[in-house]
Amino acid sequence: MSDPENPAWTLVVPVKTLIAAKTRLAAAAGPHRAALAVAIACDTVEAALRCALVARVVVVTGDPVAAEALAQVGAHVVGDPGAGLNAALRHGAAEAARLAPGGAVGALQADLPALRPAELARVLAAASGFDQAFLPDGAEIGTTFYGVGPRVAFTPGFGGASRERHLGRGAVELSVPGVESVRHDVDTPGDLRRALVLGVGPRTRAVAERISAEGRAAG
């Protein structure tokens, strides 16, 4: 998959509007749900940008608050066409192709607050050996990363049981040891607790600590 003239990846990260983001965390996060969603996305993008194999991150979002915060951490932000997750990813991939013609393009979930750049690098290095590849989430049901090589059609199938969907489309399932931070997406309070144990980025930790402190005060 790798191109010696374009060795670095462009990653596309979709970010929902804040009113729709992380609804399964609403009971735990309360009034801080939107702030937590932005914090998680910013920590994810910032960690991705620190990966040696990542040239840029294209964020696709229709939310102006999230867009401003993500631009501040270094993302190239484009609008969401509003036709669903995979359409947003394809839109971002088209922008990636404009920015870096002939480069490798990957989709990365926005809810990986424990993401470690070195672990992401191992995933991208493994993906570079195939035309299209993906990494399943920790539950082996969904997908946290999907990538294609230069001049390979970008056909993401995220949502629900996306592991089987990507397999059915001929993508190679990556089996890379020691990359838990790339596989641990956060949808529920339990997911967040496990991410905090792994070690999250500073923004996510700050919001989580604020939520915890207010919970103790209320109790």
Protein backbone atom coordinates (compact mmCIF):
# COMPACT_ATOMS: atom_id res chain seq x y z
CA MET A 1 0.00 0.00 0.00
CA SER A 2 2.85 2.38 0.70
CA ASP A 3 4.14 4.86 -1.84
CA PRO A 4 7.82 5.81 -1.38
CA GLU A 5 7.09 9.29 -2.70
CA ASN A 6 4.16 9.77 -0.29
CA PRO A 7 5.10 7.77 2.81
CA ALA A 8 2.81 9.56 5.25
CA TRP A 9 -0.89 9.09 5.79
CA THR A 10 -3.76 11.52 5.75
CA LEU A 11 -6.31 10.49 8.37
CA VAL A 12 -9.96 11.47 8.12
CA VAL A 13 -11.77 11.87 11.44
CA PRO A 14 -15.56 12.37 11.53
CA VAL A 15 -16.98 14.42 14.41
CA LYS A 16 -20.71 14.58 15.07
CA THR A 17 -22.58 17.72 15.95
CA LEU A 18 -22.42 18.14 19.71
CA ILE A 19 -26.15 17.75 20.17
CA ALA A 20 -25.83 14.21 18.80
CA ALA A 21 -22.42 13.32 20.23
CA LYS A 22 -21.87 10.74 22.97
CA THR A 23 -25.53 10.42 23.96
CA ARG A 24 -24.79 7.16 25.81
CA LEU A 25 -22.57 9.16 28.15
CA ALA A 26 -25.36 11.61 28.98
CA ALA A 27 -26.33 10.05 32.31
CA ALA A 28 -22.73 10.02 33.54
CA ALA A 29 -21.53 13.30 32.04
CA GLY A 30 -24.66 15.39 32.59
CA PRO A 31 -24.16 19.01 31.48
CA HIS A 32 -20.56 18.21 30.52
CA ARG A 33 -21.45 15.77 27.72
CA ALA A 34 -20.69 18.18 24.88
CA ALA A 35 -17.46 19.32 26.51
CA LEU A 36 -16.44 15.71 26.99
CA ALA A 37 -17.16 14.91 23.33
CA VAL A 38 -14.99 17.83 22.18
CA ALA A 39 -12.23 16.90 24.61
CA ILE A 40 -12.17 13.28 23.42
CA ALA A 41 -12.07 14.32 19.76
CA CYS A 42 -9.31 16.87 20.37
CA ASP A 43 -7.18 14.39 22.31
CA THR A 44 -7.67 11.82 19.55
CA VAL A 45 -6.66 14.23 16.79
CA GLU A 46 -3.72 15.66 18.69
CA ALA A 47 -2.35 12.17 19.37
CA ALA A 48 -2.81 11.22 15.72
CA LEU A 49 -0.90 14.31 14.61
CA ARG A 50 2.00 13.29 16.84
CA CYS A 51 2.28 9.95 15.01
CA ALA A 52 5.38 9.80 12.83
CA LEU A 53 3.45 8.27 9.92
CA VAL A 54 0.68 10.89 9.85
CA ALA A 55 1.10 13.94 7.64
CA ARG A 56 -2.23 15.57 8.41
CA VAL A 57 -5.67 14.98 9.89
CA VAL A 58 -8.80 16.05 8.02
CA VAL A 59 -11.75 16.50 10.38
CA VAL A 60 -15.25 16.41 8.94
CA THR A 61 -17.81 18.14 11.12
CA GLY A 62 -20.88 20.30 10.88
CA ASP A 63 -20.48 21.69 14.39
CA PRO A 64 -18.84 25.12 14.62
CA VAL A 65 -17.74 24.68 18.25
CA ALA A 66 -16.05 21.38 17.54
CA ALA A 67 -14.59 22.75 14.30
CA GLU A 68 -12.91 25.66 16.08
CA ALA A 69 -11.48 23.46 18.85
CA LEU A 70 -10.15 20.88 16.42
CA ALA A 71 -8.60 23.49 14.15
CA GLN A 72 -6.74 24.83 17.17
CA VAL A 73 -5.07 21.46 17.75
CA GLY A 74 -3.93 21.34 14.12
CA ALA A 75 -6.68 19.60 12.17
CA HIS A 76 -7.66 20.60 8.65
CA VAL A 77 -11.42 21.02 9.08
CA VAL A 78 -14.06 20.64 6.37
CA GLY A 79 -17.84 20.73 6.57
CA ASP A 80 -20.05 17.69 6.86
CA PRO A 81 -22.28 17.09 3.82
CA GLY A 82 -24.95 15.77 6.18
CA ALA A 83 -25.57 12.44 4.49
CA GLY A 84 -24.35 10.10 7.22
CA LEU A 85 -21.08 8.83 8.65
CA ASN A 86 -19.65 7.08 5.61
CA ALA A 87 -20.60 9.93 3.29
CA ALA A 88 -18.75 12.26 5.67
CA LEU A 89 -15.71 10.02 5.51
CA ARG A 90 -15.79 9.91 1.70
CA HIS A 91 -16.05 13.69 1.65
CA GLY A 92 -13.02 13.92 3.90
CA ALA A 93 -11.13 11.43 1.75
CA ALA A 94 -11.81 13.57 -1.33
CA GLU A 95 -10.27 16.52 0.51
CA ALA A 96 -7.33 14.32 1.51
CA ALA A 97 -6.80 13.41 -2.15
CA ARG A 98 -6.83 17.09 -3.05
CA LEU A 99 -4.28 17.91 -0.38
CA ALA A 100 -2.01 14.93 -1.05
CA PRO A 101 -2.66 13.31 -4.44
CA GLY A 102 -1.44 9.73 -4.50
CA GLY A 103 -1.14 9.44 -0.72
CA ALA A 104 -2.52 6.77 1.60
CA VAL A 105 -5.82 7.70 3.28
CA GLY A 106 -7.28 6.30 6.47
CA ALA A 107 -10.44 6.81 8.49
CA LEU A 108 -10.01 6.99 12.24
CA GLN A 109 -12.77 7.11 14.82
CA ALA A 110 -12.93 10.35 16.83
CA ASP A 111 -13.44 8.68 20.21
CA LEU A 112 -10.02 7.26 21.03
CA PRO A 113 -8.95 9.47 23.96
CA ALA A 114 -6.23 7.06 25.10
CA LEU A 115 -4.64 6.96 21.62
CA ARG A 116 -0.87 6.55 21.67
CA PRO A 117 1.06 7.78 18.61
CA ALA A 118 3.48 4.84 18.63
CA GLU A 119 0.63 2.33 18.64
CA LEU A 120 -1.09 4.14 15.78
CA ALA A 121 2.21 4.03 13.88
CA ARG A 122 2.29 0.24 14.21
CA VAL A 123 -1.23 0.01 12.83
CA LEU A 124 -0.43 2.29 9.88
CA ALA A 125 2.78 0.42 9.13
CA ALA A 126 0.86 -2.85 9.05
CA ALA A 127 -1.89 -1.34 6.87
CA SER A 128 0.71 -0.13 4.39
CA GLY A 129 1.18 -3.70 3.22
CA PHE A 130 -2.34 -3.95 1.77
CA ASP A 131 -4.57 -2.15 -0.70
CA GLN A 132 -7.27 -1.80 1.96
CA ALA A 133 -7.19 -2.82 5.59
CA PHE A 134 -8.99 -2.20 8.86
CA LEU A 135 -8.56 -2.59 12.61
CA PRO A 136 -11.49 -3.96 14.62
CA ASP A 137 -12.49 -2.39 17.89
CA GLY A 138 -11.89 -4.12 21.20
CA ALA A 139 -15.28 -5.84 21.07
CA GLU A 140 -14.45 -7.35 17.64
CA ILE A 141 -17.71 -5.94 16.29
CA GLY A 142 -16.96 -2.45 15.07
CA THR A 143 -14.00 -0.76 13.41
CA THR A 144 -11.71 1.99 14.69
CA PHE A 145 -9.47 2.36 11.62
CA TYR A 146 -9.94 1.72 7.89
CA GLY A 147 -7.32 2.65 5.31
CA VAL A 148 -6.50 2.38 1.63
CA GLY A 149 -3.37 2.80 -0.42
CA PRO A 150 -2.68 5.30 -3.18
CA ARG A 151 -5.22 5.20 -6.02
CA VAL A 152 -7.32 2.57 -4.24
CA ALA A 153 -11.06 3.27 -3.92
CA PHE A 154 -11.95 4.51 -0.43
CA THR A 155 -15.09 2.59 0.58
CA PRO A 156 -15.61 2.79 4.35
CA GLY A 157 -18.38 0.78 5.93
CA PHE A 158 -18.55 2.15 9.46
CA GLY A 159 -21.53 1.80 11.75
CA GLY A 160 -22.83 -1.15 13.77
CA ALA A 161 -21.25 -4.47 12.86
CA SER A 162 -18.66 -2.84 10.62
CA ARG A 163 -16.03 -5.53 11.15
CA GLU A 164 -18.09 -8.00 9.11
CA ARG A 165 -18.96 -5.32 6.59
CA HIS A 166 -15.33 -4.46 5.94
CA LEU A 167 -14.41 -8.13 5.69
CA GLY A 168 -17.20 -8.61 3.18
CA ARG A 169 -15.82 -5.81 1.04
CA GLY A 170 -12.41 -7.44 0.83
CA ALA A 171 -10.51 -5.35 3.37
CA VAL A 172 -7.78 -7.18 5.28
CA GLU A 173 -8.32 -7.39 9.02
CA LEU A 174 -5.18 -6.27 10.82
CA SER A 175 -3.89 -8.28 13.74
CA VAL A 176 -1.35 -6.04 15.43
CA PRO A 177 -0.34 -6.80 19.03
CA GLY A 178 -0.03 -4.10 21.63
CA VAL A 179 -2.31 -1.47 20.09
CA GLU A 180 -5.10 -1.39 22.66
CA SER A 181 -5.24 2.39 22.60
CA VAL A 182 -6.16 2.33 18.89
CA ARG A 183 -8.91 -0.22 19.49
CA HIS A 184 -10.50 1.30 22.59
CA ASP A 185 -13.25 3.65 21.46
CA VAL A 186 -15.44 5.32 24.07
CA ASP A 187 -19.23 5.10 23.83
CA THR A 188 -20.36 4.24 27.37
CA PRO A 189 -19.38 5.18 30.94
CA GLY A 190 -17.66 1.80 31.25
CA ASP A 191 -15.63 2.53 28.13
CA LEU A 192 -14.59 5.87 29.60
CA ARG A 193 -13.52 4.29 32.88
CA ARG A 194 -11.35 1.79 31.03
CA ALA A 195 -9.86 4.56 28.88
CA LEU A 196 -8.96 6.51 32.01
CA VAL A 197 -7.10 3.46 33.27
CA LEU A 198 -5.23 3.21 29.96
CA GLY A 199 -4.34 6.88 30.22
CA VAL A 200 -6.28 9.52 28.31
CA GLY A 201 -5.22 12.85 26.88
CA PRO A 202 -5.21 16.00 29.03
CA ARG A 203 -8.51 17.45 27.82
CA THR A 204 -10.46 14.26 28.43
CA ARG A 205 -8.88 13.83 31.85
CA ALA A 206 -9.71 17.42 32.84
CA VAL A 207 -13.40 17.04 31.92
CA ALA A 208 -13.60 13.60 33.55
CA GLU A 209 -12.10 15.00 36.75
CA ARG A 210 -14.62 17.84 36.73
CA ILE A 211 -17.49 15.37 36.31
CA SER A 212 -16.12 13.21 39.11
CA ALA A 213 -15.65 16.16 41.47
CA GLU A 214 -19.20 17.39 40.90
CA GLY A 215 -20.50 13.88 41.46
CA ARG A 216 -18.72 13.66 44.79
CA ALA A 217 -20.01 17.07 45.82
CA ALA A 218 -23.57 16.13 44.91
CA GLY A 219 -23.26 12.86 46.84
